[in-house]
Protein backbone atom coordinates (compact mmCIF):
# COMPACT_ATOMS: atom_id res chain seq x y z
CA MET A 1 80.80 38.31 56.77
CA SER A 2 80.21 34.57 56.06
CA PRO A 3 82.88 32.16 56.65
CA GLN A 4 84.97 31.43 53.42
CA THR A 5 85.59 27.70 54.09
CA LEU A 6 85.05 24.70 51.74
CA THR A 7 85.80 20.91 52.06
CA LEU A 8 88.10 19.94 49.43
CA ALA A 9 89.21 16.25 48.22
CA VAL A 10 91.46 14.60 46.18
CA SER A 11 90.61 10.87 45.15
CA GLN A 12 93.82 8.49 44.53
CA SER A 13 91.62 6.23 42.18
CA ARG A 14 92.88 3.95 39.44
CA THR A 15 91.22 3.18 35.95
CA LEU A 16 89.39 -0.16 35.84
CA SER A 17 89.46 -2.32 32.74
CA THR A 18 86.38 -0.81 31.42
CA LEU A 19 84.81 2.75 31.24
CA SER A 20 81.73 1.84 32.63
CA ALA A 21 83.37 0.10 35.54
CA THR A 22 85.50 3.36 35.91
CA LEU A 23 82.48 5.63 36.12
CA SER A 24 80.75 3.44 38.50
CA ALA A 25 83.94 3.79 40.85
CA LEU A 26 83.93 7.53 40.25
CA GLN A 27 80.15 7.63 41.55
CA ALA A 28 80.78 5.60 44.49
CA THR A 29 83.71 7.66 45.40
CA THR A 30 81.86 10.80 45.03
CA GLN A 31 78.93 9.45 46.95
CA LEU A 32 81.27 8.88 49.78
CA ALA A 33 82.85 12.24 49.57
CA ALA A 34 79.36 13.60 49.74
CA SER A 35 78.97 11.62 53.07
CA LYS A 36 82.06 13.49 54.33
CA SER A 37 80.46 16.79 53.36
CA VAL A 38 82.94 17.39 50.56
CA ASP A 39 82.29 20.26 48.36
CA LEU A 40 84.71 19.71 45.40
CA ILE A 41 86.62 16.69 44.43
CA LEU A 42 89.68 15.87 42.01
CA PHE A 43 90.36 12.68 40.34
CA PRO A 44 93.70 11.86 38.61
CA GLU A 45 95.00 12.61 34.87
CA ALA A 46 93.53 10.56 32.38
CA TYR A 47 91.37 8.53 35.26
CA LEU A 48 88.38 8.11 32.61
CA GLY A 49 89.97 6.25 29.44
CA GLY A 50 93.16 5.50 31.12
CA TYR A 51 96.88 6.50 31.31
CA PRO A 52 98.82 4.07 29.05
CA ARG A 53 101.56 3.39 31.51
CA THR A 54 103.98 0.72 30.07
CA CYS A 55 102.52 0.84 26.70
CA SER A 56 104.94 1.23 23.62
CA PHE A 57 102.14 1.27 20.90
CA GLY A 58 104.84 -0.91 18.82
CA ALA A 59 106.75 2.30 18.00
CA ALA A 60 110.39 3.16 17.31
CA VAL A 61 111.95 5.81 15.22
CA GLY A 62 111.10 5.09 11.70
CA ALA A 63 108.96 2.25 12.43
CA ARG A 64 105.36 1.04 13.57
CA ALA A 65 104.68 -2.61 14.32
CA ALA A 66 101.10 -3.86 13.65
CA GLU A 67 100.69 -5.00 17.35
CA GLY A 68 101.23 -1.52 18.31
CA ARG A 69 98.33 -0.40 16.17
CA GLU A 70 96.05 -2.93 17.66
CA GLN A 71 96.92 -1.59 20.91
CA PHE A 72 96.31 1.96 19.95
CA LEU A 73 92.78 0.57 18.50
CA ARG A 74 91.79 -0.64 21.96
CA TYR A 75 93.07 2.42 23.50
CA PHE A 76 91.20 4.69 21.18
CA GLN A 77 88.05 2.54 21.84
CA SER A 78 88.45 2.80 25.76
CA ALA A 79 88.54 6.54 25.45
CA VAL A 80 85.69 8.94 26.19
CA ASP A 81 83.42 10.61 23.45
CA LEU A 82 82.39 13.93 24.93
CA GLY A 83 81.03 15.12 21.68
CA ASP A 84 83.29 17.93 21.21
CA THR A 85 84.99 18.75 17.83
CA PRO A 86 88.95 18.20 17.24
CA ARG A 87 89.47 21.87 17.20
CA GLY A 88 87.61 22.18 20.47
CA ALA A 89 84.07 24.14 20.06
CA GLY A 90 84.57 25.92 23.39
CA ASP A 91 81.26 27.62 24.63
CA GLU A 92 79.22 25.98 21.64
CA TRP A 93 80.12 22.77 23.25
CA ILE A 94 79.71 23.74 26.85
CA ASP A 95 76.38 25.39 26.16
CA LYS A 96 75.11 22.22 24.13
CA GLU A 97 74.63 24.24 21.02
CA LEU A 98 76.19 21.72 18.80
CA ASP A 99 74.26 19.77 16.23
CA VAL A 100 72.97 16.44 17.72
CA ALA A 101 72.56 13.31 15.20
CA LYS A 102 68.92 12.40 14.27
CA GLY A 103 67.61 10.08 16.78
CA LYS A 104 69.97 10.89 19.62
CA GLU A 105 69.41 12.89 22.73
CA TYR A 106 73.03 14.25 23.08
CA ARG A 107 76.31 14.29 21.30
CA GLY A 108 79.14 11.74 22.40
CA ASP A 109 78.74 8.49 24.49
CA GLY A 110 76.93 9.68 27.43
CA THR A 111 79.78 10.24 29.73
CA ARG A 112 79.20 14.08 30.22
CA GLU A 113 75.48 13.40 31.02
CA PHE A 114 76.50 10.63 33.52
CA LEU A 115 79.06 12.99 35.10
CA GLU A 116 76.49 15.94 35.33
CA ARG A 117 73.89 13.51 36.99
CA VAL A 118 76.44 12.12 39.56
CA ALA A 119 77.32 15.82 40.35
CA ARG A 120 73.66 16.80 40.52
CA GLU A 121 72.54 14.04 42.90
CA THR A 122 75.54 14.31 45.29
CA GLY A 123 75.81 17.82 45.32
CA VAL A 124 79.72 17.78 44.77
CA PHE A 125 81.52 19.64 42.28
CA ILE A 126 83.71 17.18 40.32
CA VAL A 127 86.95 17.86 38.44
CA THR A 128 88.17 14.67 36.76
CA GLY A 129 91.13 13.96 34.26
CA LEU A 130 90.14 12.02 30.99
CA VAL A 131 91.06 11.01 27.64
CA GLU A 132 88.81 12.08 25.24
CA LYS A 133 88.32 11.33 21.35
CA ALA A 134 87.61 13.75 18.83
CA GLY A 135 87.58 12.92 15.25
CA GLY A 136 90.57 10.68 14.90
CA SER A 137 92.58 12.01 17.69
CA LEU A 138 92.90 11.68 21.40
CA TYR A 139 93.42 14.40 23.97
CA CYS A 140 94.30 14.37 27.44
CA SER A 141 91.64 16.68 29.24
CA VAL A 142 90.10 17.82 32.44
CA VAL A 143 86.41 18.54 32.86
CA TYR A 144 84.90 20.88 35.28
CA VAL A 145 81.28 19.74 36.47
CA CYS A 146 79.04 21.79 38.72
CA PRO A 147 76.28 20.27 40.57
CA HIS A 148 73.66 23.02 39.72
CA LEU A 149 74.84 24.15 36.05
CA GLY A 150 76.32 21.00 34.59
CA VAL A 151 79.88 21.30 32.66
CA LEU A 152 81.31 24.74 33.34
CA GLY A 153 84.46 24.05 31.16
CA LYS A 154 86.92 21.74 29.81
CA ARG A 155 90.54 22.07 28.81
CA ARG A 156 93.00 19.96 26.84
CA LYS A 157 96.59 19.38 27.78
CA VAL A 158 98.75 21.71 25.51
CA MET A 159 101.93 19.71 25.92
CA PRO A 160 101.95 16.01 25.99
CA THR A 161 105.22 14.77 27.66
CA GLY A 162 107.71 11.98 26.02
CA SER A 163 105.83 9.24 24.33
CA GLU A 164 102.56 10.87 25.13
CA ARG A 165 103.26 12.85 22.00
CA LEU A 166 102.64 9.60 20.04
CA ILE A 167 99.14 9.12 21.08
CA TRP A 168 97.76 12.42 22.47
CA ALA A 169 97.15 15.46 20.36
CA GLN A 170 98.10 18.92 21.49
CA GLY A 171 95.10 21.23 23.06
CA SER A 172 94.72 24.69 22.47
CA PRO A 173 96.23 27.13 25.12
CA SER A 174 92.71 28.95 25.06
CA THR A 175 91.22 26.38 27.11
CA LEU A 176 93.55 27.48 29.83
CA ARG A 177 90.91 30.02 30.94
CA ALA A 178 90.12 29.82 34.48
CA VAL A 179 86.60 28.63 35.58
CA THR A 180 84.71 30.69 38.03
CA THR A 181 81.98 29.57 40.22
CA THR A 182 80.47 30.18 43.76
CA ILE A 183 80.06 27.46 46.16
CA LYS A 184 78.45 28.18 49.61
CA GLY A 185 79.18 31.93 49.17
CA VAL A 186 82.72 31.05 48.28
CA LYS A 187 83.74 32.61 45.04
CA LEU A 188 86.22 30.07 43.40
CA ARG A 189 88.62 31.04 40.47
CA MET A 190 89.98 27.36 39.66
CA ALA A 191 92.15 26.39 36.60
CA ALA A 192 94.22 23.19 35.86
CA ALA A 193 97.76 22.48 34.91
CA ILE A 194 97.91 18.78 33.70
CA CYS A 195 101.03 17.06 34.94
CA TRP A 196 104.23 18.16 33.40
CA GLU A 197 102.50 21.26 32.31
CA ASN A 198 103.76 22.36 35.88
CA TYR A 199 106.94 22.44 34.83
CA MET A 200 106.17 25.00 32.24
CA PRO A 201 106.72 28.37 34.11
CA LEU A 202 104.94 30.72 31.43
CA LEU A 203 101.97 28.21 31.66
CA ARG A 204 101.91 28.51 35.57
CA TYR A 205 102.05 32.21 35.07
CA SER A 206 99.23 32.19 32.73
CA LEU A 207 97.10 30.79 35.74
CA TYR A 208 98.56 33.06 38.39
CA SER A 209 97.51 36.10 36.18
CA GLN A 210 93.93 35.01 36.25
CA ASN A 211 94.22 35.31 40.00
CA VAL A 212 93.22 31.52 40.54
CA ASN A 213 92.71 30.51 44.36
CA LEU A 214 92.23 26.80 43.58
CA TYR A 215 95.00 25.37 41.61
CA LEU A 216 94.33 21.76 40.28
CA ALA A 217 97.09 19.59 39.27
CA PRO A 218 96.14 16.08 38.09
CA THR A 219 98.94 14.09 37.27
CA ALA A 220 100.83 10.70 36.43
CA ASP A 221 104.02 11.68 38.01
CA ALA A 222 104.78 9.52 41.04
CA ARG A 223 108.41 10.70 41.45
CA ASP A 224 109.77 12.05 44.69
CA THR A 225 110.46 15.41 42.73
CA TRP A 226 106.80 16.02 42.32
CA PHE A 227 105.66 16.86 45.85
CA PRO A 228 108.03 19.78 46.41
CA LEU A 229 106.76 21.36 42.90
CA MET A 230 103.33 21.39 44.35
CA ARG A 231 104.55 23.23 47.25
CA THR A 232 106.29 25.81 45.08
CA VAL A 233 103.07 26.09 42.98
CA ALA A 234 101.00 26.81 46.05
CA ALA A 235 103.62 29.20 47.58
CA GLU A 236 103.93 30.92 44.20
CA GLY A 237 100.47 31.41 43.30
CA ARG A 238 98.97 31.94 46.80
CA ALA A 239 96.40 29.24 46.14
CA PHE A 240 95.31 25.97 47.21
CA VAL A 241 96.76 23.01 45.41
CA LEU A 242 95.06 19.71 44.84
CA SER A 243 97.08 17.06 43.10
CA ALA A 244 95.58 13.58 42.37
CA ASN A 245 97.62 10.63 40.96
CA GLN A 246 96.54 6.89 40.32
CA CYS A 247 98.33 4.24 42.26
CA MET A 248 98.45 0.94 40.57
CA LYS A 249 100.27 -2.32 40.64
CA ARG A 250 101.34 -4.07 37.50
CA LYS A 251 98.64 -6.71 37.84
CA HIS A 252 95.76 -4.21 37.91
CA LEU A 253 96.87 -2.43 34.25
CA PRO A 254 93.66 -2.36 32.29
CA ASP A 255 93.01 -5.05 29.91
CA TRP A 256 93.75 -2.78 26.74
CA ILE A 257 97.43 -2.62 28.15
CA THR A 258 97.94 -6.15 29.05
CA GLY A 259 96.00 -7.68 26.06
CA LYS A 260 93.60 -9.71 28.38
CA THR A 261 90.08 -10.16 27.69
CA SER A 262 87.65 -8.83 30.50
CA GLY A 263 87.02 -12.31 31.60
CA GLU A 264 90.63 -12.73 32.28
CA SER A 265 90.70 -9.76 34.94
CA LYS A 266 91.45 -10.64 38.63
CA GLU A 267 88.97 -7.83 39.33
CA VAL A 268 86.24 -9.56 41.17
CA THR A 269 84.24 -6.24 41.90
CA SER A 270 85.07 -2.80 41.35
CA VAL A 271 84.60 0.09 43.79
CA ALA A 272 81.33 0.55 42.31
CA LYS A 273 77.66 0.94 43.10
CA PRO A 274 77.06 2.26 46.79
CA ASN A 275 75.67 -0.71 48.14
CA GLY A 276 78.56 -2.82 46.77
CA ARG A 277 81.39 -0.65 48.01
CA ARG A 278 83.91 -2.21 49.90
CA ARG A 279 84.25 -0.80 53.49
CA SER A 280 86.56 2.18 54.26
CA THR A 281 88.39 2.99 57.52
CA VAL A 282 88.53 6.65 58.31
CA THR A 283 91.51 7.92 60.11
CA VAL A 284 91.25 11.60 61.48
CA LYS A 285 94.86 12.86 61.05
CA GLU A 286 94.44 16.13 62.57
CA ASP A 287 91.74 18.73 63.47
CA LYS A 288 89.31 19.12 60.34
CA HIS A 289 91.27 16.86 58.14
CA GLU A 290 90.56 13.23 57.08
CA LEU A 291 92.13 10.60 55.45
CA VAL A 292 89.79 7.60 54.17
CA LEU A 293 91.83 4.51 53.46
CA PRO A 294 90.35 1.04 52.23
CA ASP A 295 89.75 -1.77 54.56
CA THR A 296 92.31 -4.49 53.71
CA GLY A 297 90.65 -7.33 55.50
CA SER A 298 88.32 -10.04 54.27
CA GLY A 299 86.36 -7.57 52.26
CA SER A 300 88.99 -6.92 49.56
CA ALA A 301 87.68 -6.47 46.16
CA ILE A 302 90.70 -8.11 44.39
CA ALA A 303 91.13 -11.80 44.17
CA ASP A 304 93.92 -13.30 46.12
CA ASP A 305 95.53 -15.30 43.10
CA ALA A 306 99.00 -16.66 42.88
CA ALA A 307 100.82 -14.32 40.79
CA ASP A 308 104.14 -13.58 39.27
CA PRO A 309 106.01 -11.48 41.86
CA ALA A 310 106.60 -8.82 39.08
CA ASP A 311 102.72 -8.29 39.10
CA GLU A 312 102.99 -6.99 42.61
CA GLU A 313 105.27 -4.21 41.79
CA TYR A 314 103.71 -0.74 41.69
CA VAL A 315 103.76 0.90 37.96
CA SER A 316 102.70 4.17 39.70
CA ARG A 317 103.16 4.69 43.64
CA GLY A 318 100.46 7.43 43.79
CA GLY A 319 101.38 10.55 45.82
CA SER A 320 97.97 12.41 45.97
CA CYS A 321 98.61 15.78 48.36
CA ILE A 322 97.04 18.86 49.20
CA ILE A 323 98.99 22.13 49.62
CA GLY A 324 97.97 25.60 51.28
CA PRO A 325 98.53 29.04 50.04
CA LEU A 326 101.87 29.43 51.85
CA GLY A 327 103.30 26.26 50.53
CA ASP A 328 102.30 24.62 53.94
CA VAL A 329 101.39 20.98 53.63
CA LEU A 330 97.76 20.20 54.46
CA LYS A 331 98.06 16.49 53.35
CA GLU A 332 101.08 14.42 52.98
CA PRO A 333 101.80 12.34 49.60
CA LEU A 334 99.43 9.31 49.78
CA TRP A 335 101.98 6.41 48.71
CA GLU A 336 101.17 2.88 47.71
CA ILE A 337 97.38 3.09 48.42
CA GLU A 338 95.87 1.52 45.47
CA ASP A 339 92.17 1.71 46.12
CA GLY A 340 89.96 3.98 48.08
CA GLY A 341 92.69 6.68 48.97
CA LEU A 342 90.74 10.00 49.92
CA HIS A 343 92.45 13.11 51.30
CA ILE A 344 89.91 15.51 52.73
CA VAL A 345 90.77 18.95 54.29
CA GLU A 346 88.76 22.38 55.14
CA ALA A 347 90.09 25.19 53.39
CA ASP A 348 89.87 28.91 54.35
CA PHE A 349 90.00 30.47 51.24
CA GLU A 350 90.74 33.96 52.59
CA ASP A 351 94.05 32.71 53.38
CA CYS A 352 94.86 33.10 49.75
CA GLU A 353 94.47 36.89 50.53
CA ARG A 354 96.33 36.77 53.66
CA GLY A 355 99.22 35.41 51.54
CA ARG A 356 99.12 38.34 49.09
CA LEU A 357 100.65 40.44 51.95
CA ASP A 358 103.76 39.91 50.58
CA LEU A 359 103.84 38.06 47.48
CA ASP A 360 101.44 38.61 44.26
CA VAL A 361 103.39 37.19 41.32
CA ALA A 362 100.94 38.43 38.73
CA GLY A 363 100.47 41.78 40.61
CA SER A 364 102.62 43.82 43.10
CA TYR A 365 105.50 41.26 42.80
CA SER A 366 105.47 41.02 38.93
CA ARG A 367 107.01 44.44 37.98
CA ASN A 368 104.18 44.20 35.04
CA ASP A 369 105.65 47.65 33.88
CA ALA A 370 108.66 45.78 32.38
CA PHE A 371 107.63 42.06 31.99
CA HIS A 372 104.70 40.93 30.13
CA LEU A 373 103.01 37.54 28.94
CA GLU A 374 100.76 37.02 26.09
CA VAL A 375 99.01 33.74 25.18
CA ASP A 376 97.47 33.56 21.90
CA GLY A 377 93.71 33.11 22.21
CA LEU A 378 93.80 33.36 25.95
CA ASP A 379 92.44 36.25 27.96
CA LEU A 380 94.64 36.69 31.16
CA ASP A 381 92.84 39.27 32.84
CA PRO A 382 90.95 37.63 35.92
CA ALA A 383 87.20 36.78 35.25
CA PRO A 384 84.87 39.21 37.02
């Protein structure tokens, strides 16, 4: 039998001040991952479009300020348009069966087509968090992009957290359907739970029920409590868990948050085109596992301007990690690495079956004769 091993990566990447710059950074990171023989890479929650950290949008209970509406306008304009409908068109959108405006080659702003091209050219399966606009609403989403077939699926966050509920609409639980594909002879059943959806036990169980062996957890949570949660998820689900978060200093918040214009940005160059990418140092942490870190020498892409000390504080410390199916730590949380942090591991997916010897929370260890879960619009049976 052929080896059931794939090379997986999580990228600790931060949103840049424009969508085009962030897309270029995603492309460069994916090309770097391809040079390391990575088969699948995960980017953080809201990586494209941006996570609105520190934003108030001028809102208080019973009141909304004009400046908050302007901030929301800039955020809305920075979001991705994938050409989907507000209700979510499902397979019609995935299969590109929706109507296209006259004179246009595709629906949306071209981001979907860009991601499909990057995946195709690099041979890397891309999973990325993004903020998409559909109609007049924003959704926090994850898109799955296959190098051979293009987009295989997309899901929208069903439960935004705290102030996120002001600016993100709720997605349909029907999009929690796992995505099935085969890479190098390894059958993957992957699904994503976005940030604090991982604190929803029934949502987690809906993914376990579909027999996922690759559990994806893009997040914006940089608290110390996140890492043990990921270990719990991996041990419960007997699946590999990838978690990617952004790491960002206050001075590098996107322009639509700070109110600056692009010309005032301190970014000199982004982690963009392959021939312009800053150098990286590769540290081999242990056999078959790599950690790619940025070069902090004179090749820095950030201008060394004098700044307010508060600008140097981390508004998010990162914490991207990779966990094995028994809850074993394959890559420790990556803290305070703002640019270029890339965790890479080799994953033997037969470890998922080995773990089922004593625990299958949706099967032999579920007492499904007595306990039942139903999710409206979602088939919980494992895909064929």
